[in-house]
Amino acid sequence: MSAPAAIATSTTCPRPLLTAAVMDVIGGVAKAELLDGQLSVVAGLPGLLGIADDDRTALGTAECLRAWTGHPAFRPVK
């Protein structure tokens, strides 16, 4: 069995729900860059696998990515 693919995304990702849909098909783990104050938001989300890089990066499943983008505190960077 091969290692899961890493899919990098961030709050600059224009289509995080599309990323989650692709992850449903090919698998993998989303690596999401966190902005200041977002750690407390993502900490309780379903599908969160871990926090890395001095609390600046969240690793999660497609479920986590969907839950995060559906949260009122989610703000993409323009």
Protein backbone atom coordinates (compact mmCIF):
# COMPACT_ATOMS: atom_id res chain seq x y z
CA MET A 1 0.00 0.00 0.00
CA SER A 2 1.38 3.40 -0.93
CA ALA A 3 1.62 6.37 1.42
CA PRO A 4 -1.27 8.83 1.31
CA ALA A 5 -0.83 11.83 -0.92
CA ALA A 6 -0.41 15.23 0.67
CA ILE A 7 -2.68 17.91 -0.69
CA ALA A 8 -1.55 21.40 0.23
CA THR A 9 -4.22 24.01 0.70
CA SER A 10 -4.48 27.20 2.63
CA THR A 11 -6.85 29.98 3.35
CA THR A 12 -5.77 31.29 -0.04
CA CYS A 13 -7.27 28.23 -1.75
CA PRO A 14 -10.12 29.52 -3.92
CA ARG A 15 -12.02 26.22 -3.91
CA PRO A 16 -11.45 24.26 -0.70
CA LEU A 17 -14.63 22.23 -1.23
CA LEU A 18 -13.34 21.13 -4.63
CA THR A 19 -10.12 20.07 -2.90
CA ALA A 20 -12.20 18.01 -0.44
CA ALA A 21 -14.06 16.35 -3.33
CA VAL A 22 -10.77 15.41 -5.01
CA MET A 23 -9.54 14.00 -1.69
CA ASP A 24 -12.65 11.79 -1.56
CA VAL A 25 -11.58 10.23 -4.85
CA ILE A 26 -7.80 9.98 -4.50
CA GLY A 27 -7.40 10.07 -0.71
CA GLY A 28 -4.70 12.04 0.99
CA VAL A 29 -4.25 14.55 3.75
CA ALA A 30 -4.87 18.29 3.49
CA LYS A 31 -2.13 20.55 4.79
CA ALA A 32 -3.77 23.88 5.60
CA GLU A 33 -1.95 27.05 6.56
CA LEU A 34 -3.52 28.72 9.60
CA LEU A 35 -3.87 32.44 10.18
CA ASP A 36 -3.61 34.03 13.61
CA GLY A 37 -6.56 33.01 15.76
CA GLN A 38 -7.60 30.03 13.62
CA LEU A 39 -6.01 27.34 15.80
CA SER A 40 -8.85 27.47 18.32
CA VAL A 41 -11.35 27.11 15.46
CA VAL A 42 -9.81 24.05 13.84
CA ALA A 43 -8.81 22.31 17.09
CA GLY A 44 -12.24 20.76 17.59
CA LEU A 45 -13.13 19.96 13.99
CA PRO A 46 -13.91 16.39 12.92
CA GLY A 47 -11.19 14.84 10.78
CA LEU A 48 -8.35 16.93 12.22
CA LEU A 49 -5.25 14.74 12.24
CA GLY A 50 -2.79 17.10 13.86
CA ILE A 51 -1.25 20.55 14.20
CA ALA A 52 2.33 21.26 13.08
CA ASP A 53 4.83 24.04 12.44
CA ASP A 54 4.39 25.94 15.70
CA ASP A 55 0.59 25.90 15.40
CA ARG A 56 0.69 27.40 11.88
CA THR A 57 -0.37 24.26 9.96
CA ALA A 58 -3.34 21.92 10.31
CA LEU A 59 -3.37 18.42 8.85
CA GLY A 60 -6.76 16.93 8.17
CA THR A 61 -9.08 14.79 6.11
CA ALA A 62 -11.64 15.93 3.54
CA GLU A 63 -14.17 15.92 6.39
CA CYS A 64 -12.03 18.42 8.30
CA LEU A 65 -11.66 20.67 5.27
CA ARG A 66 -15.44 20.70 4.73
CA ALA A 67 -16.13 21.38 8.41
CA TRP A 68 -13.59 24.20 8.48
CA THR A 69 -14.92 25.97 5.38
CA GLY A 70 -18.44 25.66 6.80
CA HIS A 71 -17.43 27.29 10.09
CA PRO A 72 -18.38 30.98 10.51
CA ALA A 73 -14.78 31.83 11.51
CA PHE A 74 -13.33 30.53 8.23
CA ARG A 75 -11.96 33.43 6.20
CA PRO A 76 -10.06 32.93 2.95
CA VAL A 77 -7.24 35.36 2.31
CA LYS A 78 -7.85 37.59 -0.69
